[in-house]
Amino acid sequence: MYIVFSTVEGREGECKAISWTSKAEIEDRVIESGIPYTFVYIPMYYENFWTSFFAPSYDEEKGFTWTIAFMPDIPIFAFSVSDLGAWVVPAFREPKEWTGESHCLLYSARPSSIILQGKAIKLVTEFLSIRDIATQFSEVTGEKAGIALEMAYEQFEASRYANHPAAESMYFSWEYVIRAGPNSGVRSQEQTLSIYRDAKKYREWVKDSPLVKNVVAKLKGEAAAKKSA
């Protein structure tokens, strides 16, 4: 018996958002159980920028624009969630390779009798800024695209105290993204691509994604209908 668990960095010194720290609590339960495990650390989805999370708006003059309360040029660890199985399936097929005494983490609740019987897969296909999301979409499709909110660092810091129930949680999530950039060692492109070298980069995903095509058609259709009304 073994466990494959999708997670994110929510330990002390990492992300303070409850949606992240709750994952770390589950990790502790898995470790305490003594069952061999693989923790698969999930990055931001490309898909998030095309769904209700952070979807663009559209008008004929400006094209597609993103309004996201984050600095537009900060690299964000990312991948397509449609590729996730490429890293999860090997963990199930080859448990001896993907479990074992090699996962190092800070586990303050760990009794001395517990041996860490697991490994971590720290996923990132590429690092993309919000500006990259818009620019590469435009380059691939020929559509106008850009950033509607050019947020400065001071504005980002102030966003923690915005009058919204999720403001602080979102702030903590984005604050960790800043610290977990390409040179941080938090995520590993080398490990990610060594397991699945065909992982889709954002440009390729945009070109092939039915989600993108549907959102583009929907937003342009709504704009045309509004204009003719």
Protein backbone atom coordinates (compact mmCIF):
# COMPACT_ATOMS: atom_id res chain seq x y z
CA MET A 1 0.00 0.00 0.00
CA TYR A 2 1.21 3.51 -0.80
CA ILE A 3 -0.18 7.00 -1.24
CA VAL A 4 0.16 9.52 -4.07
CA PHE A 5 -0.98 12.95 -2.87
CA SER A 6 -1.18 16.25 -4.78
CA THR A 7 -0.05 19.11 -2.60
CA VAL A 8 1.59 22.54 -2.34
CA GLU A 9 4.18 24.15 -0.06
CA GLY A 10 2.38 25.03 3.18
CA ARG A 11 4.97 24.42 5.88
CA GLU A 12 6.57 26.94 8.22
CA GLY A 13 8.45 29.50 6.17
CA GLU A 14 6.47 28.64 3.04
CA CYS A 15 2.97 29.81 2.04
CA LYS A 16 0.69 30.92 4.89
CA ALA A 17 -2.61 30.67 2.99
CA ILE A 18 -4.95 28.16 4.64
CA SER A 19 -5.50 26.38 1.33
CA TRP A 20 -1.76 25.62 1.38
CA THR A 21 -1.18 25.00 5.10
CA SER A 22 -4.07 22.51 5.17
CA LYS A 23 -2.18 20.45 2.59
CA ALA A 24 0.87 20.36 4.86
CA GLU A 25 -1.32 19.07 7.69
CA ILE A 26 -2.46 16.22 5.47
CA GLU A 27 1.17 15.51 4.55
CA ASP A 28 1.92 15.15 8.26
CA ARG A 29 -0.90 12.63 8.65
CA VAL A 30 0.47 10.63 5.73
CA ILE A 31 3.98 10.69 7.18
CA GLU A 32 2.73 9.67 10.63
CA SER A 33 0.92 6.70 9.11
CA GLY A 34 4.20 5.16 7.98
CA ILE A 35 2.68 4.34 4.59
CA PRO A 36 5.10 4.94 1.68
CA TYR A 37 4.11 8.02 -0.30
CA THR A 38 4.78 10.32 -3.22
CA PHE A 39 3.92 13.99 -2.79
CA VAL A 40 3.25 15.68 -6.14
CA TYR A 41 3.57 19.46 -5.76
CA ILE A 42 1.20 21.19 -8.17
CA PRO A 43 1.92 24.59 -9.78
CA MET A 44 -0.48 27.20 -11.13
CA TYR A 45 -2.61 25.92 -14.01
CA TYR A 46 -2.54 27.62 -17.41
CA GLU A 47 -6.27 26.92 -17.30
CA ASN A 48 -6.73 29.26 -14.32
CA PHE A 49 -6.13 32.23 -16.59
CA TRP A 50 -9.02 31.17 -18.82
CA THR A 51 -11.68 30.25 -16.25
CA SER A 52 -13.54 32.15 -13.54
CA PHE A 53 -10.35 32.44 -11.48
CA PHE A 54 -8.58 34.99 -13.69
CA ALA A 55 -10.31 34.96 -17.09
CA PRO A 56 -9.81 37.92 -19.45
CA SER A 57 -12.42 40.42 -20.53
CA TYR A 58 -12.88 41.60 -24.11
CA ASP A 59 -13.79 44.63 -26.15
CA GLU A 60 -13.15 45.37 -29.81
CA GLU A 61 -10.75 48.25 -29.16
CA LYS A 62 -8.50 46.70 -26.51
CA GLY A 63 -8.98 43.04 -27.33
CA PHE A 64 -8.50 40.56 -24.47
CA THR A 65 -7.29 42.05 -21.19
CA TRP A 66 -6.47 40.51 -17.82
CA THR A 67 -7.24 42.29 -14.53
CA ILE A 68 -5.36 40.36 -11.85
CA ALA A 69 -4.30 41.82 -8.49
CA PHE A 70 -0.64 40.89 -8.86
CA MET A 71 2.48 42.41 -10.41
CA PRO A 72 2.34 41.58 -14.12
CA ASP A 73 6.03 40.75 -14.62
CA ILE A 74 6.65 38.31 -11.75
CA PRO A 75 7.41 34.73 -12.94
CA ILE A 76 4.76 32.22 -11.83
CA PHE A 77 5.37 28.45 -11.73
CA ALA A 78 2.88 26.92 -14.15
CA PHE A 79 1.73 23.92 -16.18
CA SER A 80 -1.35 22.51 -17.89
CA VAL A 81 -3.45 20.44 -15.52
CA SER A 82 -4.29 18.19 -18.46
CA ASP A 83 -0.71 16.91 -18.25
CA LEU A 84 -0.92 15.95 -14.57
CA GLY A 85 -1.43 12.25 -15.19
CA ALA A 86 1.97 12.05 -16.86
CA TRP A 87 3.62 12.52 -13.45
CA VAL A 88 1.04 10.75 -11.29
CA VAL A 89 0.80 7.52 -13.30
CA PRO A 90 4.53 6.68 -12.99
CA ALA A 91 4.25 7.05 -9.22
CA PHE A 92 1.53 4.38 -9.20
CA ARG A 93 3.24 2.14 -11.75
CA GLU A 94 6.69 2.28 -10.15
CA PRO A 95 6.14 2.68 -6.41
CA LYS A 96 9.62 1.44 -5.52
CA GLU A 97 11.16 4.27 -7.54
CA TRP A 98 8.75 6.95 -6.34
CA THR A 99 8.66 6.08 -2.65
CA GLY A 100 11.59 5.54 -0.33
CA GLU A 101 13.68 7.24 2.32
CA SER A 102 14.63 10.34 0.34
CA HIS A 103 12.09 13.10 0.90
CA CYS A 104 13.61 15.83 3.06
CA LEU A 105 11.25 18.34 4.68
CA LEU A 106 10.80 20.19 7.95
CA TYR A 107 8.47 18.02 9.98
CA SER A 108 8.36 19.40 13.52
CA ALA A 109 5.75 16.92 14.76
CA ARG A 110 7.77 13.92 13.67
CA PRO A 111 8.60 11.44 16.44
CA SER A 112 12.17 10.11 16.29
CA SER A 113 10.83 6.63 15.50
CA ILE A 114 9.27 7.76 12.20
CA ILE A 115 11.31 7.38 8.99
CA LEU A 116 10.21 9.48 6.03
CA GLN A 117 9.15 6.83 3.51
CA GLY A 118 8.57 9.00 0.49
CA LYS A 119 9.61 11.23 -2.37
CA ALA A 120 8.51 14.57 -3.76
CA ILE A 121 7.86 15.60 -7.36
CA LYS A 122 8.15 19.39 -7.58
CA LEU A 123 6.32 20.28 -10.78
CA VAL A 124 6.83 23.28 -13.05
CA THR A 125 6.72 23.13 -16.84
CA GLU A 126 7.67 26.79 -17.22
CA PHE A 127 7.65 30.11 -15.39
CA LEU A 128 5.23 32.66 -16.85
CA SER A 129 4.30 36.19 -15.85
CA ILE A 130 0.80 37.55 -16.34
CA ARG A 131 2.21 39.67 -19.14
CA ASP A 132 3.57 36.49 -20.74
CA ILE A 133 0.08 34.98 -20.53
CA ALA A 134 -1.32 37.88 -22.57
CA THR A 135 1.62 38.40 -24.93
CA GLN A 136 2.04 34.76 -25.90
CA PHE A 137 -1.70 34.35 -26.44
CA SER A 138 -1.59 37.34 -28.81
CA GLU A 139 1.45 36.00 -30.66
CA VAL A 140 -0.12 32.58 -31.13
CA THR A 141 -3.62 33.69 -32.13
CA GLY A 142 -3.13 37.13 -33.65
CA GLU A 143 -5.69 38.59 -31.24
CA LYS A 144 -5.10 41.87 -29.41
CA ALA A 145 -4.24 41.25 -25.77
CA GLY A 146 -2.80 43.07 -22.80
CA ILE A 147 -2.81 43.83 -19.10
CA ALA A 148 -5.61 45.98 -17.66
CA LEU A 149 -4.05 46.33 -14.19
CA GLU A 150 -0.41 47.38 -13.89
CA MET A 151 -0.06 46.72 -10.16
CA ALA A 152 2.96 48.12 -8.33
CA TYR A 153 4.57 46.32 -5.38
CA GLU A 154 3.15 48.84 -2.89
CA GLN A 155 -0.35 48.22 -4.23
CA PHE A 156 0.20 44.49 -3.93
CA GLU A 157 1.24 44.83 -0.29
CA ALA A 158 -1.88 46.90 0.40
CA SER A 159 -4.10 44.27 -1.25
CA ARG A 160 -3.66 42.08 1.83
CA TYR A 161 -5.99 44.44 3.69
CA ALA A 162 -8.63 44.85 0.99
CA ASN A 163 -12.27 44.57 2.03
CA HIS A 164 -12.75 41.05 0.72
CA PRO A 165 -12.96 37.76 2.67
CA ALA A 166 -10.28 36.12 0.50
CA ALA A 167 -7.92 39.12 0.35
CA GLU A 168 -5.35 37.92 2.87
CA SER A 169 -5.38 34.34 1.58
CA MET A 170 -4.80 35.53 -1.99
CA TYR A 171 -2.05 37.83 -0.78
CA PHE A 172 -0.26 34.97 0.99
CA SER A 173 -0.55 32.76 -2.10
CA TRP A 174 0.89 35.39 -4.42
CA GLU A 175 3.55 36.40 -1.89
CA TYR A 176 4.85 32.84 -1.92
CA VAL A 177 4.82 32.78 -5.72
CA ILE A 178 7.21 35.75 -5.61
CA ARG A 179 9.61 33.81 -3.37
CA ALA A 180 9.28 30.61 -5.40
CA GLY A 181 10.67 31.98 -8.66
CA PRO A 182 12.99 30.34 -11.20
CA ASN A 183 16.15 30.72 -9.11
CA SER A 184 14.63 29.75 -5.76
CA GLY A 185 14.99 25.97 -6.08
CA VAL A 186 11.40 25.53 -4.89
CA ARG A 187 10.30 23.85 -8.11
CA SER A 188 12.36 21.79 -10.57
CA GLN A 189 11.97 22.02 -14.34
CA GLU A 190 14.75 19.48 -14.64
CA GLN A 191 12.87 16.90 -12.57
CA THR A 192 9.54 17.76 -14.20
CA LEU A 193 10.78 17.32 -17.77
CA SER A 194 12.93 14.29 -16.95
CA ILE A 195 9.71 12.45 -16.07
CA TYR A 196 7.62 13.85 -18.93
CA ARG A 197 9.56 15.65 -21.63
CA ASP A 198 6.43 16.31 -23.73
CA ALA A 199 4.82 18.59 -21.14
CA LYS A 200 3.08 21.42 -22.99
CA LYS A 201 4.53 24.90 -22.86
CA TYR A 202 1.96 27.68 -22.69
CA ARG A 203 2.26 28.62 -26.38
CA GLU A 204 1.54 25.08 -27.47
CA TRP A 205 -1.30 24.76 -24.99
CA VAL A 206 -2.93 28.00 -26.20
CA LYS A 207 -2.74 26.81 -29.80
CA ASP A 208 -4.40 23.46 -29.05
CA SER A 209 -6.72 24.28 -26.13
CA PRO A 210 -10.49 23.95 -26.68
CA LEU A 211 -10.92 26.02 -23.51
CA VAL A 212 -9.13 29.01 -25.05
CA LYS A 213 -11.05 28.68 -28.31
CA ASN A 214 -14.37 28.52 -26.44
CA VAL A 215 -13.59 31.53 -24.23
CA VAL A 216 -12.46 33.60 -27.22
CA ALA A 217 -15.59 32.73 -29.19
CA LYS A 218 -17.86 33.37 -26.20
CA LEU A 219 -16.40 36.76 -25.30
CA LYS A 220 -16.31 37.98 -28.90
CA GLY A 221 -19.86 36.74 -29.44
CA GLU A 222 -21.10 38.57 -26.34
CA ALA A 223 -19.38 41.77 -27.47
CA ALA A 224 -20.92 41.53 -30.94
CA ALA A 225 -24.38 40.88 -29.50
CA LYS A 226 -24.08 43.85 -27.16
CA LYS A 227 -22.98 46.09 -30.03
CA SER A 228 -25.92 45.10 -32.23
CA ALA A 229 -28.53 45.33 -29.45
